[in-house]
C-alpha atoms as a PDB file:
ATOM      1  CA  ARG A   1     137.252 141.825  54.612  1.00  0.00           C
ATOM      2  CA  TRP A   2     141.023 141.459  54.027  1.00  0.00           C
ATOM      3  CA  GLN A   3     141.620 141.924  57.753  1.00  0.00           C
ATOM      4  CA  ARG A   4     139.004 139.295  58.537  1.00  0.00           C
ATOM      5  CA  ASN A   5     140.712 136.786  56.224  1.00  0.00           C
ATOM      6  CA  GLN A   6     144.073 137.564  57.828  1.00  0.00           C
ATOM      7  CA  THR A   7     142.553 136.904  61.268  1.00  0.00           C
ATOM      8  CA  SER A   8     141.075 133.600  60.065  1.00  0.00           C
ATOM      9  CA  LEU A   9     144.495 132.376  58.892  1.00  0.00           C
ATOM     10  CA  ALA A  10     146.251 133.319  62.129  1.00  0.00           C
ATOM     11  CA  ASP A  11     147.460 130.754  64.639  1.00  0.00           C
ATOM     12  CA  PHE A  12     144.992 129.224  67.086  1.00  0.00           C
ATOM     13  CA  ILE A  13     145.761 129.469  70.805  1.00  0.00           C
ATOM     14  CA  PHE A  14     144.977 126.456  72.976  1.00  0.00           C
ATOM     15  CA  GLU A  15     143.519 126.952  76.430  1.00  0.00           C
ATOM     16  CA  GLY A  16     144.311 123.336  77.232  1.00  0.00           C
ATOM     17  CA  LEU A  17     144.046 120.996  80.159  1.00  0.00           C
ATOM     18  CA  PHE A  18     147.100 121.994  82.169  1.00  0.00           C
ATOM     19  CA  ASP A  19     148.770 125.011  83.754  1.00  0.00           C
ATOM     20  CA  ASP A  20     152.004 125.348  85.771  1.00  0.00           C
ATOM     21  CA  SER A  21     150.638 124.109  89.107  1.00  0.00           C
ATOM     22  CA  LEU A  22     151.964 120.956  90.766  1.00  0.00           C
ATOM     23  CA  THR A  23     148.560 119.303  90.512  1.00  0.00           C
ATOM     24  CA  HIS A  24     148.473 119.831  86.762  1.00  0.00           C
ATOM     25  CA  LEU A  25     152.084 118.669  86.467  1.00  0.00           C
ATOM     26  CA  PHE A  26     150.995 115.398  88.073  1.00  0.00           C
ATOM     27  CA  LEU A  27     147.976 115.161  85.726  1.00  0.00           C
ATOM     28  CA  PHE A  28     150.212 115.835  82.730  1.00  0.00           C
ATOM     29  CA  SER A  29     152.610 113.090  83.834  1.00  0.00           C
ATOM     30  CA  LEU A  30     149.677 110.708  84.307  1.00  0.00           C
ATOM     31  CA  THR A  31     148.389 111.569  80.829  1.00  0.00           C
ATOM     32  CA  MET A  32     151.785 110.797  79.315  1.00  0.00           C
ATOM     33  CA  VAL A  33     151.912 107.434  81.118  1.00  0.00           C
ATOM     34  CA  ILE A  34     148.451 106.595  79.758  1.00  0.00           C
ATOM     35  CA  PHE A  35     149.585 107.704  76.291  1.00  0.00           C
ATOM     36  CA  LEU A  36     152.605 105.377  76.426  1.00  0.00           C
ATOM     37  CA  ILE A  37     150.360 102.502  77.551  1.00  0.00           C
ATOM     38  CA  ALA A  38     147.986 103.204  74.660  1.00  0.00           C
ATOM     39  CA  VAL A  39     150.805 103.316  72.097  1.00  0.00           C
ATOM     40  CA  SER A  40     152.472 100.182  73.497  1.00  0.00           C
ATOM     41  CA  GLY A  41     149.230  98.203  73.803  1.00  0.00           C
ATOM     42  CA  ASN A  42     147.954  98.978  70.323  1.00  0.00           C
ATOM     43  CA  THR A  43     151.356  98.472  68.712  1.00  0.00           C
ATOM     44  CA  LEU A  44     151.708  95.119  70.475  1.00  0.00           C
ATOM     45  CA  THR A  45     148.252  94.049  69.302  1.00  0.00           C
ATOM     46  CA  ILE A  46     149.090  94.885  65.672  1.00  0.00           C
ATOM     47  CA  LEU A  47     152.425  93.052  65.873  1.00  0.00           C
ATOM     48  CA  LEU A  48     150.835  89.982  67.484  1.00  0.00           C
ATOM     49  CA  ILE A  49     148.250  89.698  64.727  1.00  0.00           C
ATOM     50  CA  CYS A  50     150.907  90.150  62.041  1.00  0.00           C
ATOM     51  CA  ILE A  51     153.366  87.668  63.552  1.00  0.00           C
ATOM     52  CA  ASP A  52     151.150  84.832  64.765  1.00  0.00           C
ATOM     53  CA  PRO A  53     149.658  82.736  61.903  1.00  0.00           C
ATOM     54  CA  GLN A  54     146.823  81.545  64.138  1.00  0.00           C
ATOM     55  CA  LEU A  55     145.520  85.114  64.307  1.00  0.00           C
ATOM     56  CA  HIS A  56     145.341  85.496  60.514  1.00  0.00           C
ATOM     57  CA  ALA A  57     141.542  85.460  60.496  1.00  0.00           C
ATOM     58  CA  PRO A  58     138.998  88.156  59.567  1.00  0.00           C
ATOM     59  CA  MET A  59     138.081  88.788  63.207  1.00  0.00           C
ATOM     60  CA  TYR A  60     141.674  89.595  64.141  1.00  0.00           C
ATOM     61  CA  PHE A  61     142.285  91.570  60.964  1.00  0.00           C
ATOM     62  CA  LEU A  62     139.428  93.839  62.084  1.00  0.00           C
ATOM     63  CA  LEU A  63     140.958  94.009  65.556  1.00  0.00           C
ATOM     64  CA  SER A  64     144.296  95.076  64.050  1.00  0.00           C
ATOM     65  CA  GLN A  65     142.508  97.869  62.176  1.00  0.00           C
ATOM     66  CA  LEU A  66     140.856  99.012  65.398  1.00  0.00           C
ATOM     67  CA  SER A  67     144.258  99.132  67.080  1.00  0.00           C
ATOM     68  CA  LEU A  68     145.723 101.029  64.118  1.00  0.00           C
ATOM     69  CA  MET A  69     142.932 103.612  64.314  1.00  0.00           C
ATOM     70  CA  ASP A  70     143.413 104.001  68.065  1.00  0.00           C
ATOM     71  CA  LEU A  71     147.173 104.305  67.634  1.00  0.00           C
ATOM     72  CA  ILE A  72     146.891 107.087  65.042  1.00  0.00           C
ATOM     73  CA  HIS A  73     144.038 108.740  66.959  1.00  0.00           C
ATOM     74  CA  VAL A  74     145.963 109.081  70.210  1.00  0.00           C
ATOM     75  CA  SER A  75     149.088 110.162  68.298  1.00  0.00           C
ATOM     76  CA  THR A  76     147.158 112.948  66.568  1.00  0.00           C
ATOM     77  CA  THR A  77     146.421 114.890  69.752  1.00  0.00           C
ATOM     78  CA  ILE A  78     148.661 113.991  72.700  1.00  0.00           C
ATOM     79  CA  PRO A  79     152.152 114.678  71.224  1.00  0.00           C
ATOM     80  CA  LYS A  80     151.106 118.202  70.179  1.00  0.00           C
ATOM     81  CA  MET A  81     149.584 118.827  73.602  1.00  0.00           C
ATOM     82  CA  ALA A  82     152.773 117.600  75.295  1.00  0.00           C
ATOM     83  CA  THR A  83     154.981 119.740  73.034  1.00  0.00           C
ATOM     84  CA  ASN A  84     152.928 122.847  73.815  1.00  0.00           C
ATOM     85  CA  TYR A  85     152.984 122.181  77.556  1.00  0.00           C
ATOM     86  CA  LEU A  86     156.735 121.551  77.734  1.00  0.00           C
ATOM     87  CA  SER A  87     157.672 124.456  75.462  1.00  0.00           C
ATOM     88  CA  GLY A  88     155.206 126.912  76.967  1.00  0.00           C
ATOM     89  CA  LYS A  89     153.932 127.703  73.459  1.00  0.00           C
ATOM     90  CA  GLN A  90     150.197 127.099  73.344  1.00  0.00           C
ATOM     91  CA  SER A  91     149.605 127.781  69.651  1.00  0.00           C
ATOM     92  CA  ILE A  92     148.956 125.770  66.506  1.00  0.00           C
ATOM     93  CA  SER A  93     149.005 127.027  62.930  1.00  0.00           C
ATOM     94  CA  PHE A  94     145.883 127.314  60.797  1.00  0.00           C
ATOM     95  CA  VAL A  95     147.061 124.424  58.583  1.00  0.00           C
ATOM     96  CA  GLY A  96     148.050 122.391  61.641  1.00  0.00           C
ATOM     97  CA  CYS A  97     144.615 122.878  63.190  1.00  0.00           C
ATOM     98  CA  ALA A  98     142.886 121.900  59.942  1.00  0.00           C
ATOM     99  CA  THR A  99     145.079 118.793  59.655  1.00  0.00           C
ATOM    100  CA  GLN A 100     144.416 117.787  63.244  1.00  0.00           C
ATOM    101  CA  HIS A 101     140.679 118.309  62.777  1.00  0.00           C
ATOM    102  CA  PHE A 102     140.649 116.210  59.593  1.00  0.00           C
ATOM    103  CA  LEU A 103     142.611 113.341  61.136  1.00  0.00           C
ATOM    104  CA  TYR A 104     140.660 113.021  64.370  1.00  0.00           C
ATOM    105  CA  LEU A 105     137.302 113.294  62.576  1.00  0.00           C
ATOM    106  CA  SER A 106     138.379 110.719  59.948  1.00  0.00           C
ATOM    107  CA  LEU A 107     139.583 108.267  62.569  1.00  0.00           C
ATOM    108  CA  GLY A 108     136.496 108.746  64.724  1.00  0.00           C
ATOM    109  CA  GLY A 109     134.143 108.104  61.812  1.00  0.00           C
ATOM    110  CA  ALA A 110     136.180 105.123  60.611  1.00  0.00           C
ATOM    111  CA  GLU A 111     136.048 103.583  64.083  1.00  0.00           C
ATOM    112  CA  CYS A 112     132.250 103.963  64.172  1.00  0.00           C
ATOM    113  CA  PHE A 113     131.978 102.112  60.853  1.00  0.00           C
ATOM    114  CA  LEU A 114     134.536  99.493  61.890  1.00  0.00           C
ATOM    115  CA  LEU A 115     132.625  98.643  65.072  1.00  0.00           C
ATOM    116  CA  VAL A 116     129.597  97.932  62.865  1.00  0.00           C
ATOM    117  CA  VAL A 117     131.713  95.634  60.684  1.00  0.00           C
ATOM    118  CA  MET A 118     132.993  93.839  63.796  1.00  0.00           C
ATOM    119  CA  SER A 119     129.422  93.287  64.997  1.00  0.00           C
ATOM    120  CA  TYR A 120     128.544  91.846  61.564  1.00  0.00           C
ATOM    121  CA  ASP A 121     131.552  89.533  61.853  1.00  0.00           C
ATOM    122  CA  ARG A 122     130.274  88.251  65.214  1.00  0.00           C
ATOM    123  CA  TYR A 123     126.756  87.878  63.796  1.00  0.00           C
ATOM    124  CA  VAL A 124     127.982  85.722  60.899  1.00  0.00           C
ATOM    125  CA  ALA A 125     130.292  83.671  63.150  1.00  0.00           C
ATOM    126  CA  ILE A 126     127.535  82.826  65.633  1.00  0.00           C
ATOM    127  CA  CYS A 127     124.369  82.781  63.509  1.00  0.00           C
ATOM    128  CA  HIS A 128     125.812  81.371  60.248  1.00  0.00           C
ATOM    129  CA  PRO A 129     129.018  79.523  61.190  1.00  0.00           C
ATOM    130  CA  LEU A 130     128.896  77.175  58.185  1.00  0.00           C
ATOM    131  CA  ARG A 131     128.807  80.127  55.773  1.00  0.00           C
ATOM    132  CA  TYR A 132     131.381  82.224  57.631  1.00  0.00           C
ATOM    133  CA  ALA A 133     134.180  81.545  55.140  1.00  0.00           C
ATOM    134  CA  VAL A 134     132.004  82.923  52.328  1.00  0.00           C
ATOM    135  CA  LEU A 135     130.147  85.764  54.067  1.00  0.00           C
ATOM    136  CA  MET A 136     133.229  87.013  55.905  1.00  0.00           C
ATOM    137  CA  SER A 137     136.104  86.103  53.609  1.00  0.00           C
ATOM    138  CA  LYS A 138     139.363  88.047  53.590  1.00  0.00           C
ATOM    139  CA  ARG A 139     138.244  89.896  50.459  1.00  0.00           C
ATOM    140  CA  VAL A 140     134.910  90.893  52.027  1.00  0.00           C
ATOM    141  CA  GLY A 141     136.626  91.990  55.241  1.00  0.00           C
ATOM    142  CA  LEU A 142     139.168  94.050  53.314  1.00  0.00           C
ATOM    143  CA  MET A 143     136.451  95.754  51.259  1.00  0.00           C
ATOM    144  CA  MET A 144     134.503  96.627  54.416  1.00  0.00           C
ATOM    145  CA  VAL A 145     137.582  98.076  56.102  1.00  0.00           C
ATOM    146  CA  VAL A 146     138.575 100.115  53.037  1.00  0.00           C
ATOM    147  CA  THR A 147     135.001 101.424  52.801  1.00  0.00           C
ATOM    148  CA  SER A 148     135.148 102.455  56.468  1.00  0.00           C
ATOM    149  CA  TRP A 149     138.402 104.367  55.971  1.00  0.00           C
ATOM    150  CA  LEU A 150     137.329 106.041  52.713  1.00  0.00           C
ATOM    151  CA  GLY A 151     133.796 106.919  53.811  1.00  0.00           C
ATOM    152  CA  ALA A 152     134.989 108.505  57.039  1.00  0.00           C
ATOM    153  CA  SER A 153     137.807 110.373  55.262  1.00  0.00           C
ATOM    154  CA  VAL A 154     135.450 111.876  52.668  1.00  0.00           C
ATOM    155  CA  ASN A 155     133.024 112.955  55.402  1.00  0.00           C
ATOM    156  CA  SER A 156     135.865 114.510  57.400  1.00  0.00           C
ATOM    157  CA  LEU A 157     137.323 116.274  54.368  1.00  0.00           C
ATOM    158  CA  ILE A 158     133.971 117.904  53.585  1.00  0.00           C
ATOM    159  CA  HIS A 159     133.423 119.061  57.177  1.00  0.00           C
ATOM    160  CA  THR A 160     136.988 120.331  57.543  1.00  0.00           C
ATOM    161  CA  ALA A 161     136.871 122.265  54.260  1.00  0.00           C
ATOM    162  CA  ILE A 162     133.561 123.923  55.164  1.00  0.00           C
ATOM    163  CA  LEU A 163     134.588 124.744  58.741  1.00  0.00           C
ATOM    164  CA  MET A 164     137.957 126.214  57.821  1.00  0.00           C
ATOM    165  CA  HIS A 165     136.341 128.300  55.076  1.00  0.00           C
ATOM    166  CA  PHE A 166     134.366 130.271  57.681  1.00  0.00           C
ATOM    167  CA  PRO A 167     135.884 133.514  59.012  1.00  0.00           C
ATOM    168  CA  PHE A 168     137.149 133.417  62.607  1.00  0.00           C
ATOM    169  CA  CYS A 169     136.860 136.508  64.792  1.00  0.00           C
ATOM    170  CA  GLY A 170     138.825 138.014  67.654  1.00  0.00           C
ATOM    171  CA  PRO A 171     141.514 136.166  69.612  1.00  0.00           C
ATOM    172  CA  GLN A 172     141.347 132.644  68.221  1.00  0.00           C
ATOM    173  CA  LYS A 173     141.457 130.871  71.571  1.00  0.00           C
ATOM    174  CA  VAL A 174     140.426 127.230  71.443  1.00  0.00           C
ATOM    175  CA  TYR A 175     139.248 126.171  74.899  1.00  0.00           C
ATOM    176  CA  HIS A 176     140.470 122.664  74.349  1.00  0.00           C
ATOM    177  CA  PHE A 177     143.717 120.715  74.020  1.00  0.00           C
ATOM    178  CA  TYR A 178     143.267 120.041  70.288  1.00  0.00           C
ATOM    179  CA  CYS A 179     141.212 121.297  67.348  1.00  0.00           C
ATOM    180  CA  GLU A 180     137.990 119.418  67.966  1.00  0.00           C
ATOM    181  CA  LEU A 181     134.881 120.437  66.054  1.00  0.00           C
ATOM    182  CA  PRO A 182     132.726 121.788  68.952  1.00  0.00           C
ATOM    183  CA  ALA A 183     135.596 123.940  70.242  1.00  0.00           C
ATOM    184  CA  VAL A 184     136.543 125.398  66.844  1.00  0.00           C
ATOM    185  CA  VAL A 185     132.933 126.088  65.813  1.00  0.00           C
ATOM    186  CA  LYS A 186     132.580 128.519  68.725  1.00  0.00           C
ATOM    187  CA  LEU A 187     135.173 130.809  67.106  1.00  0.00           C
ATOM    188  CA  VAL A 188     133.273 131.239  63.839  1.00  0.00           C
ATOM    189  CA  CYS A 189     131.803 134.640  63.004  1.00  0.00           C
ATOM    190  CA  GLY A 190     128.304 134.941  61.615  1.00  0.00           C
ATOM    191  CA  ASP A 191     125.355 132.601  61.386  1.00  0.00           C
ATOM    192  CA  ILE A 192     126.280 128.910  61.197  1.00  0.00           C
ATOM    193  CA  THR A 193     122.834 127.450  61.884  1.00  0.00           C
ATOM    194  CA  VAL A 194     122.755 125.574  58.574  1.00  0.00           C
ATOM    195  CA  TYR A 195     126.237 124.132  59.149  1.00  0.00           C
ATOM    196  CA  GLU A 196     125.374 123.051  62.703  1.00  0.00           C
ATOM    197  CA  THR A 197     122.291 121.295  61.314  1.00  0.00           C
ATOM    198  CA  THR A 198     124.444 119.364  58.829  1.00  0.00           C
ATOM    199  CA  VAL A 199     126.844 118.444  61.645  1.00  0.00           C
ATOM    200  CA  TYR A 200     123.933 117.163  63.715  1.00  0.00           C
ATOM    201  CA  ILE A 201     122.619 115.091  60.791  1.00  0.00           C
ATOM    202  CA  SER A 202     126.125 113.741  60.166  1.00  0.00           C
ATOM    203  CA  SER A 203     126.392 112.821  63.865  1.00  0.00           C
ATOM    204  CA  ILE A 204     123.151 110.874  63.593  1.00  0.00           C
ATOM    205  CA  LEU A 205     124.480 108.941  60.575  1.00  0.00           C
ATOM    206  CA  LEU A 206     127.860 108.273  62.210  1.00  0.00           C
ATOM    207  CA  LEU A 207     126.607 107.503  65.729  1.00  0.00           C
ATOM    208  CA  LEU A 208     122.948 106.544  65.955  1.00  0.00           C
ATOM    209  CA  LEU A 209     122.813 104.554  62.703  1.00  0.00           C
ATOM    210  CA  PRO A 210     125.824 102.378  63.672  1.00  0.00           C
ATOM    211  CA  ILE A 211     124.291 101.846  67.126  1.00  0.00           C
ATOM    212  CA  LEU A 212     121.056 100.712  65.464  1.00  0.00           C
ATOM    213  CA  LEU A 213     122.927  98.288  63.171  1.00  0.00           C
ATOM    214  CA  ILE A 214     125.016  96.923  66.045  1.00  0.00           C
ATOM    215  CA  SER A 215     121.913  96.487  68.214  1.00  0.00           C
ATOM    216  CA  THR A 216     120.151  94.641  65.389  1.00  0.00           C
ATOM    217  CA  SER A 217     123.131  92.289  65.016  1.00  0.00           C
ATOM    218  CA  TYR A 218     123.099  91.494  68.715  1.00  0.00           C
ATOM    219  CA  VAL A 219     119.355  90.840  68.740  1.00  0.00           C
ATOM    220  CA  PHE A 220     119.937  88.043  66.213  1.00  0.00           C
ATOM    221  CA  ILE A 221     123.031  86.880  68.118  1.00  0.00           C
ATOM    222  CA  LEU A 222     121.102  86.708  71.390  1.00  0.00           C
ATOM    223  CA  ARG A 223     118.324  84.730  69.733  1.00  0.00           C
ATOM    224  CA  SER A 224     120.864  82.233  68.352  1.00  0.00           C
ATOM    225  CA  VAL A 225     122.629  81.926  71.699  1.00  0.00           C
ATOM    226  CA  ILE A 226     119.359  81.218  73.504  1.00  0.00           C
ATOM    227  CA  GLN A 227     118.645  78.397  71.054  1.00  0.00           C
ATOM    228  CA  MET A 228     122.044  76.775  71.683  1.00  0.00           C
ATOM    229  CA  ARG A 229     121.848  73.549  73.682  1.00  0.00           C
ATOM    230  CA  SER A 230     125.442  73.406  74.852  1.00  0.00           C
ATOM    231  CA  SER A 231     126.299  75.600  77.840  1.00  0.00           C
ATOM    232  CA  GLY A 232     129.918  75.677  76.640  1.00  0.00           C
ATOM    233  CA  SER A 233     128.873  77.119  73.289  1.00  0.00           C
ATOM    234  CA  LYS A 234     126.830  79.772  75.063  1.00  0.00           C
ATOM    235  CA  ARG A 235     129.777  80.758  77.263  1.00  0.00           C
ATOM    236  CA  ASN A 236     132.089  80.985  74.241  1.00  0.00           C
ATOM    237  CA  ALA A 237     129.574  83.149  72.369  1.00  0.00           C
ATOM    238  CA  PHE A 238     129.114  85.516  75.304  1.00  0.00           C
ATOM    239  CA  ALA A 239     132.868  85.690  75.897  1.00  0.00           C
ATOM    240  CA  THR A 240     133.483  86.514  72.235  1.00  0.00           C
ATOM    241  CA  CYS A 241     130.860  89.256  72.145  1.00  0.00           C
ATOM    242  CA  SER A 242     131.443  90.800  75.579  1.00  0.00           C
ATOM    243  CA  SER A 243     134.739  92.441  74.574  1.00  0.00           C
ATOM    244  CA  HIS A 244     133.154  94.044  71.527  1.00  0.00           C
ATOM    245  CA  LEU A 245     130.163  95.240  73.559  1.00  0.00           C
ATOM    246  CA  MET A 246     132.448  96.847  76.138  1.00  0.00           C
ATOM    247  CA  VAL A 247     134.363  98.720  73.427  1.00  0.00           C
ATOM    248  CA  VAL A 248     131.110  99.790  71.737  1.00  0.00           C
ATOM    249  CA  SER A 249     129.685 101.102  75.025  1.00  0.00           C
ATOM    250  CA  LEU A 250     132.818 103.087  75.880  1.00  0.00           C
ATOM    251  CA  TRP A 251     133.264 104.570  72.419  1.00  0.00           C
ATOM    252  CA  PHE A 252     129.693 105.494  71.505  1.00  0.00           C
ATOM    253  CA  GLY A 253     128.843 106.644  75.021  1.00  0.00           C
ATOM    254  CA  ALA A 254     131.665 109.200  74.980  1.00  0.00           C
ATOM    255  CA  CYS A 255     130.954 110.275  71.377  1.00  0.00           C
ATOM    256  CA  ILE A 256     127.239 110.819  71.993  1.00  0.00           C
ATOM    257  CA  PHE A 257     128.060 112.836  75.117  1.00  0.00           C
ATOM    258  CA  SER A 258     130.381 115.047  73.063  1.00  0.00           C
ATOM    259  CA  TYR A 259     128.399 115.493  69.838  1.00  0.00           C
ATOM    260  CA  MET A 260     124.696 114.884  70.386  1.00  0.00           C
ATOM    261  CA  ARG A 261     124.127 117.504  73.098  1.00  0.00           C
ATOM    262  CA  PRO A 262     122.665 120.886  72.090  1.00  0.00           C
ATOM    263  CA  ARG A 263     125.215 123.696  71.824  1.00  0.00           C
ATOM    264  CA  SER A 264     123.501 125.648  74.632  1.00  0.00           C
ATOM    265  CA  GLN A 265     124.130 122.801  77.094  1.00  0.00           C
ATOM    266  CA  ARG A 266     127.854 122.462  76.367  1.00  0.00           C
ATOM    267  CA  THR A 267     130.650 123.835  78.515  1.00  0.00           C
ATOM    268  CA  PRO A 268     134.408 123.799  77.719  1.00  0.00           C
ATOM    269  CA  LEU A 269     135.068 121.553  80.734  1.00  0.00           C
ATOM    270  CA  GLN A 270     132.456 118.991  79.661  1.00  0.00           C
ATOM    271  CA  ASP A 271     133.841 118.977  76.110  1.00  0.00           C
ATOM    272  CA  LYS A 272     137.361 118.370  77.440  1.00  0.00           C
ATOM    273  CA  VAL A 273     136.228 115.521  79.717  1.00  0.00           C
ATOM    274  CA  GLY A 274     134.338 113.805  76.887  1.00  0.00           C
ATOM    275  CA  SER A 275     137.280 114.206  74.520  1.00  0.00           C
ATOM    276  CA  VAL A 276     139.777 112.875  77.058  1.00  0.00           C
ATOM    277  CA  PHE A 277     137.616 109.799  77.463  1.00  0.00           C
ATOM    278  CA  TYR A 278     137.278 108.824  73.794  1.00  0.00           C
ATOM    279  CA  SER A 279     140.623 110.177  72.536  1.00  0.00           C
ATOM    280  CA  ILE A 280     142.873 108.937  75.383  1.00  0.00           C
ATOM    281  CA  VAL A 281     141.092 106.523  77.724  1.00  0.00           C
ATOM    282  CA  THR A 282     139.303 104.399  75.101  1.00  0.00           C
ATOM    283  CA  PRO A 283     142.409 103.783  72.924  1.00  0.00           C
ATOM    284  CA  THR A 284     144.185 102.707  76.111  1.00  0.00           C
ATOM    285  CA  LEU A 285     141.468 100.323  77.266  1.00  0.00           C
ATOM    286  CA  ASN A 286     140.698  98.687  73.898  1.00  0.00           C
ATOM    287  CA  PRO A 287     143.870  96.561  73.627  1.00  0.00           C
ATOM    288  CA  LEU A 288     143.629  95.674  77.329  1.00  0.00           C
ATOM    289  CA  ILE A 289     140.029  94.530  76.901  1.00  0.00           C
ATOM    290  CA  TYR A 290     140.780  92.379  73.853  1.00  0.00           C
ATOM    291  CA  THR A 291     144.109  91.040  75.136  1.00  0.00           C
ATOM    292  CA  LEU A 292     142.898  90.103  78.607  1.00  0.00           C
ATOM    293  CA  ARG A 293     139.461  88.790  77.577  1.00  0.00           C
ATOM    294  CA  ASN A 294     140.375  87.047  74.315  1.00  0.00           C
ATOM    295  CA  LYS A 295     141.951  83.623  74.807  1.00  0.00           C
ATOM    296  CA  ASP A 296     143.470  83.444  71.317  1.00  0.00           C
ATOM    297  CA  VAL A 297     145.218  86.808  71.675  1.00  0.00           C
ATOM    298  CA  ALA A 298     146.439  85.939  75.174  1.00  0.00           C
ATOM    299  CA  LYS A 299     147.812  82.597  73.915  1.00  0.00           C
ATOM    300  CA  ALA A 300     149.495  84.336  70.986  1.00  0.00           C
ATOM    301  CA  LEU A 301     151.119  86.764  73.406  1.00  0.00           C
ATOM    302  CA  ARG A 302     152.487  83.912  75.496  1.00  0.00           C
ATOM    303  CA  ARG A 303     153.783  82.133  72.386  1.00  0.00           C
ATOM    304  CA  VAL A 304     155.526  85.256  71.140  1.00  0.00           C
ATOM    305  CA  LEU A 305     157.066  85.967  74.531  1.00  0.00           C
ATOM    306  CA  ARG A 306     158.598  82.481  74.486  1.00  0.00           C
ATOM    307  CA  ARG A 307     160.245  83.188  71.126  1.00  0.00           C
ATOM    308  CA  ASP A 308     162.575  85.762  69.691  1.00  0.00           C
ATOM    309  CA  VAL A 309     160.164  88.529  68.664  1.00  0.00           C
ATOM    310  CA  ILE A 310     162.697  90.327  66.473  1.00  0.00           C
ATOM    311  CA  THR A 311     163.470  87.118  64.562  1.00  0.00           C
ATOM    312  CA  GLN A 312     159.761  86.511  63.996  1.00  0.00           C
ATOM    313  CA  CYS A 313     159.305  90.042  62.649  1.00  0.00           C
ATOM    314  CA  ILE A 314     162.232  89.633  60.245  1.00  0.00           C
ATOM    315  CA  GLN A 315     160.924  86.286  59.029  1.00  0.00           C
ATOM    316  CA  ARG A 316     157.467  87.752  58.468  1.00  0.00           C
ATOM    317  CA  LEU A 317     158.897  90.693  56.542  1.00  0.00           C
ATOM    318  CA  GLN A 318     160.929  88.317  54.393  1.00  0.00           C
ATOM    319  CA  LEU A 319     157.728  86.478  53.488  1.00  0.00           C
ATOM    320  CA  TRP A 320     156.022  89.736  52.552  1.00  0.00           C
ATOM    321  CA  PHE A 321     159.035  91.148  50.660  1.00  0.00           C
ATOM    322  CA  PRO A 322     160.964  88.215  49.149  1.00  0.00           C
ATOM    323  CA  ARG A 323     164.382  88.842  47.705  1.00  0.00           C
ATOM    324  CA  VAL A 324     164.563  89.358  43.961  1.00  0.00           C
END
């Protein structure tokens, strides 16, 4: 038993995406370019919303939280993968793997909850515009966001603690580029049927329930849009909701592909492809979708580009932290 515990606490070895071939060197370089785009796009979105007073509304506060989640999410996995590839060391410590697992699972769950909150925001804005200031005040938005972060973190902490408590057998090779749940579970010794059942139930609560709530919101939104008499109002409503629907489709589609399939139907390659999509591609596309399709964000970007960005940041910080 002592030897088993020692094995469980040993380093994990990644069998990641890339090897030393020229083709994989090109793919690695492409991944790093996408990573830089994701970091730049999400950072720019957060700064725009902080700097421009016209974006200080609940809708854009939620958007800034989405960008923050995407920024941390992509930074949780790609830098470690790049370090391993460049150094030739494909390992991660037991604590490092547990930390990575906790962070990515927390951020993924928080994003699922946040997308529900964003759909509620659109529902109130379109179906109850006169009551928007009350139903979606800054205090309400802040409480919803905090609940999303805390709820997802507690869920992730429980899953991470249970998973890392199991004994791991043999060479602890993770056929993935980070410590994702499906890849780590395969290394566990013994019967984990009960745990896999709890993971499946948790996936239903984090994926299917949010999809149901989002779909319900858009049923009411569609009914309100149909009843609108002005074609301009209809176009504005569809334009406002289309960006959110695109993000929802990309995110939940990739997550369901990764987590709702039976274990017998999973392969390491399929798990890697699904993870690449929602951990790299989606955080890259989200700011592009909202920046290019949202007129207010695009106008804010043009206004900021015409001014001294550094000066605006300093002035904003001075407002937040006045001199004593």
